[in-house]
Amino acid sequence: MEQRERRARREFSEEFKARTVELIETSGKSIAQVCRELDLTETAVRRWVLQARIDHGQAPGLTSDERAELARLRRENKVLREEREILKKAAAFFATETTR
């Protein structure tokens, strides 16, 4: 069995994704056909189509804006946890320094 060579990860702009989804919705072509024509993976394009449906209220799930906010809040939460740990260590250090 021949093993396929793994394709390098590519990134696409939000405009490209939106235009691809629009092409699928307006051309009457299947996702598979559009993917072949544009040399895209079906898995990625199916995710773009689903996310567009979610963003337009046609499917349940987190919108793109909600996903971006969630990612931002998770990063902020991580920083706050790290800062809290630093402050706890500093407080413990200064507490032992004042008792000496």
C-alpha atoms as a PDB file:
ATOM      1  CA  MET A   1       0.000   0.000   0.000  1.00  0.00           C
ATOM      2  CA  GLU A   2       1.469   3.333  -1.071  1.00  0.00           C
ATOM      3  CA  GLN A   3       1.573   6.031   1.580  1.00  0.00           C
ATOM      4  CA  ARG A   4       0.495   9.513   0.536  1.00  0.00           C
ATOM      5  CA  GLU A   5       2.912  12.344   1.086  1.00  0.00           C
ATOM      6  CA  ARG A   6       1.582  14.778   3.620  1.00  0.00           C
ATOM      7  CA  ARG A   7       0.750  18.203   2.198  1.00  0.00           C
ATOM      8  CA  ALA A   8       2.234  21.268   3.886  1.00  0.00           C
ATOM      9  CA  ARG A   9      -0.265  23.123   6.026  1.00  0.00           C
ATOM     10  CA  ARG A  10      -1.671  26.116   4.210  1.00  0.00           C
ATOM     11  CA  GLU A  11      -3.477  29.133   5.620  1.00  0.00           C
ATOM     12  CA  PHE A  12      -6.275  30.944   3.874  1.00  0.00           C
ATOM     13  CA  SER A  13      -7.688  34.416   4.443  1.00  0.00           C
ATOM     14  CA  GLU A  14     -11.204  34.853   5.750  1.00  0.00           C
ATOM     15  CA  GLU A  15     -12.098  36.450   2.399  1.00  0.00           C
ATOM     16  CA  PHE A  16     -10.894  33.364   0.492  1.00  0.00           C
ATOM     17  CA  LYS A  17     -12.916  31.079   2.768  1.00  0.00           C
ATOM     18  CA  ALA A  18     -16.037  33.232   2.383  1.00  0.00           C
ATOM     19  CA  ARG A  19     -15.690  33.319  -1.411  1.00  0.00           C
ATOM     20  CA  THR A  20     -15.205  29.542  -1.521  1.00  0.00           C
ATOM     21  CA  VAL A  21     -18.349  29.007   0.565  1.00  0.00           C
ATOM     22  CA  GLU A  22     -20.236  31.446  -1.662  1.00  0.00           C
ATOM     23  CA  LEU A  23     -19.046  29.570  -4.757  1.00  0.00           C
ATOM     24  CA  ILE A  24     -20.360  26.297  -3.320  1.00  0.00           C
ATOM     25  CA  GLU A  25     -23.704  27.848  -2.401  1.00  0.00           C
ATOM     26  CA  THR A  26     -24.275  29.654  -5.708  1.00  0.00           C
ATOM     27  CA  SER A  27     -22.648  27.467  -8.356  1.00  0.00           C
ATOM     28  CA  GLY A  28     -24.685  24.321  -7.861  1.00  0.00           C
ATOM     29  CA  LYS A  29     -21.437  22.369  -7.656  1.00  0.00           C
ATOM     30  CA  SER A  30     -20.762  19.929  -4.878  1.00  0.00           C
ATOM     31  CA  ILE A  31     -18.182  20.575  -2.197  1.00  0.00           C
ATOM     32  CA  ALA A  32     -16.073  17.783  -3.693  1.00  0.00           C
ATOM     33  CA  GLN A  33     -16.134  19.389  -7.154  1.00  0.00           C
ATOM     34  CA  VAL A  34     -15.120  22.814  -5.845  1.00  0.00           C
ATOM     35  CA  CYS A  35     -12.374  21.248  -3.730  1.00  0.00           C
ATOM     36  CA  ARG A  36     -10.930  19.458  -6.754  1.00  0.00           C
ATOM     37  CA  GLU A  37     -11.041  22.626  -8.846  1.00  0.00           C
ATOM     38  CA  LEU A  38      -9.353  24.739  -6.142  1.00  0.00           C
ATOM     39  CA  ASP A  39      -7.018  21.999  -4.857  1.00  0.00           C
ATOM     40  CA  LEU A  40      -8.479  22.118  -1.344  1.00  0.00           C
ATOM     41  CA  THR A  41      -9.239  19.393   1.170  1.00  0.00           C
ATOM     42  CA  GLU A  42     -12.893  18.539   1.633  1.00  0.00           C
ATOM     43  CA  THR A  43     -12.530  18.369   5.404  1.00  0.00           C
ATOM     44  CA  ALA A  44     -11.396  21.992   5.659  1.00  0.00           C
ATOM     45  CA  VAL A  45     -14.000  23.288   3.216  1.00  0.00           C
ATOM     46  CA  ARG A  46     -16.800  21.397   4.966  1.00  0.00           C
ATOM     47  CA  ARG A  47     -15.723  23.129   8.222  1.00  0.00           C
ATOM     48  CA  TRP A  48     -15.828  26.516   6.425  1.00  0.00           C
ATOM     49  CA  VAL A  49     -19.330  25.794   5.114  1.00  0.00           C
ATOM     50  CA  LEU A  50     -20.547  24.688   8.553  1.00  0.00           C
ATOM     51  CA  GLN A  51     -19.004  27.752  10.243  1.00  0.00           C
ATOM     52  CA  ALA A  52     -20.686  30.014   7.678  1.00  0.00           C
ATOM     53  CA  ARG A  53     -24.035  28.339   8.443  1.00  0.00           C
ATOM     54  CA  ILE A  54     -23.436  28.858  12.176  1.00  0.00           C
ATOM     55  CA  ASP A  55     -22.471  32.512  11.628  1.00  0.00           C
ATOM     56  CA  HIS A  56     -25.710  33.077   9.668  1.00  0.00           C
ATOM     57  CA  GLY A  57     -27.841  31.417  12.351  1.00  0.00           C
ATOM     58  CA  GLN A  58     -28.652  28.405  10.183  1.00  0.00           C
ATOM     59  CA  ALA A  59     -26.914  25.847  12.422  1.00  0.00           C
ATOM     60  CA  PRO A  60     -26.214  25.570  16.148  1.00  0.00           C
ATOM     61  CA  GLY A  61     -22.740  26.277  17.498  1.00  0.00           C
ATOM     62  CA  LEU A  62     -20.312  29.043  18.370  1.00  0.00           C
ATOM     63  CA  THR A  63     -20.099  31.857  15.848  1.00  0.00           C
ATOM     64  CA  SER A  64     -16.720  33.025  14.576  1.00  0.00           C
ATOM     65  CA  ASP A  65     -16.920  36.061  16.863  1.00  0.00           C
ATOM     66  CA  GLU A  66     -17.728  33.859  19.851  1.00  0.00           C
ATOM     67  CA  ARG A  67     -14.835  31.535  18.998  1.00  0.00           C
ATOM     68  CA  ALA A  68     -12.448  34.503  18.771  1.00  0.00           C
ATOM     69  CA  GLU A  69     -13.673  35.852  22.116  1.00  0.00           C
ATOM     70  CA  LEU A  70     -13.338  32.430  23.734  1.00  0.00           C
ATOM     71  CA  ALA A  71      -9.750  32.112  22.481  1.00  0.00           C
ATOM     72  CA  ARG A  72      -8.947  35.622  23.758  1.00  0.00           C
ATOM     73  CA  LEU A  73     -10.474  34.867  27.167  1.00  0.00           C
ATOM     74  CA  ARG A  74      -8.563  31.585  27.435  1.00  0.00           C
ATOM     75  CA  ARG A  75      -5.271  33.383  26.701  1.00  0.00           C
ATOM     76  CA  GLU A  76      -6.124  36.082  29.231  1.00  0.00           C
ATOM     77  CA  ASN A  77      -7.068  33.443  31.809  1.00  0.00           C
ATOM     78  CA  LYS A  78      -3.728  31.693  31.295  1.00  0.00           C
ATOM     79  CA  VAL A  79      -1.804  34.933  31.830  1.00  0.00           C
ATOM     80  CA  LEU A  80      -3.819  35.719  34.970  1.00  0.00           C
ATOM     81  CA  ARG A  81      -3.144  32.245  36.405  1.00  0.00           C
ATOM     82  CA  GLU A  82       0.579  32.649  35.747  1.00  0.00           C
ATOM     83  CA  GLU A  83       0.568  36.089  37.371  1.00  0.00           C
ATOM     84  CA  ARG A  84      -1.296  34.719  40.394  1.00  0.00           C
ATOM     85  CA  GLU A  85       1.315  31.971  40.813  1.00  0.00           C
ATOM     86  CA  ILE A  86       4.115  34.542  40.666  1.00  0.00           C
ATOM     87  CA  LEU A  87       2.368  36.701  43.274  1.00  0.00           C
ATOM     88  CA  LYS A  88       1.834  33.698  45.560  1.00  0.00           C
ATOM     89  CA  LYS A  89       5.548  32.863  45.377  1.00  0.00           C
ATOM     90  CA  ALA A  90       6.514  36.492  45.952  1.00  0.00           C
ATOM     91  CA  ALA A  91       4.190  36.751  48.961  1.00  0.00           C
ATOM     92  CA  ALA A  92       5.648  33.552  50.440  1.00  0.00           C
ATOM     93  CA  PHE A  93       9.194  34.832  49.838  1.00  0.00           C
ATOM     94  CA  PHE A  94       8.540  38.194  51.497  1.00  0.00           C
ATOM     95  CA  ALA A  95       6.679  36.544  54.376  1.00  0.00           C
ATOM     96  CA  THR A  96       9.760  34.447  55.193  1.00  0.00           C
ATOM     97  CA  GLU A  97      12.044  37.472  54.753  1.00  0.00           C
ATOM     98  CA  THR A  98      10.114  39.548  57.313  1.00  0.00           C
ATOM     99  CA  THR A  99      10.305  36.794  59.969  1.00  0.00           C
ATOM    100  CA  ARG A 100      14.084  36.578  59.813  1.00  0.00           C
END
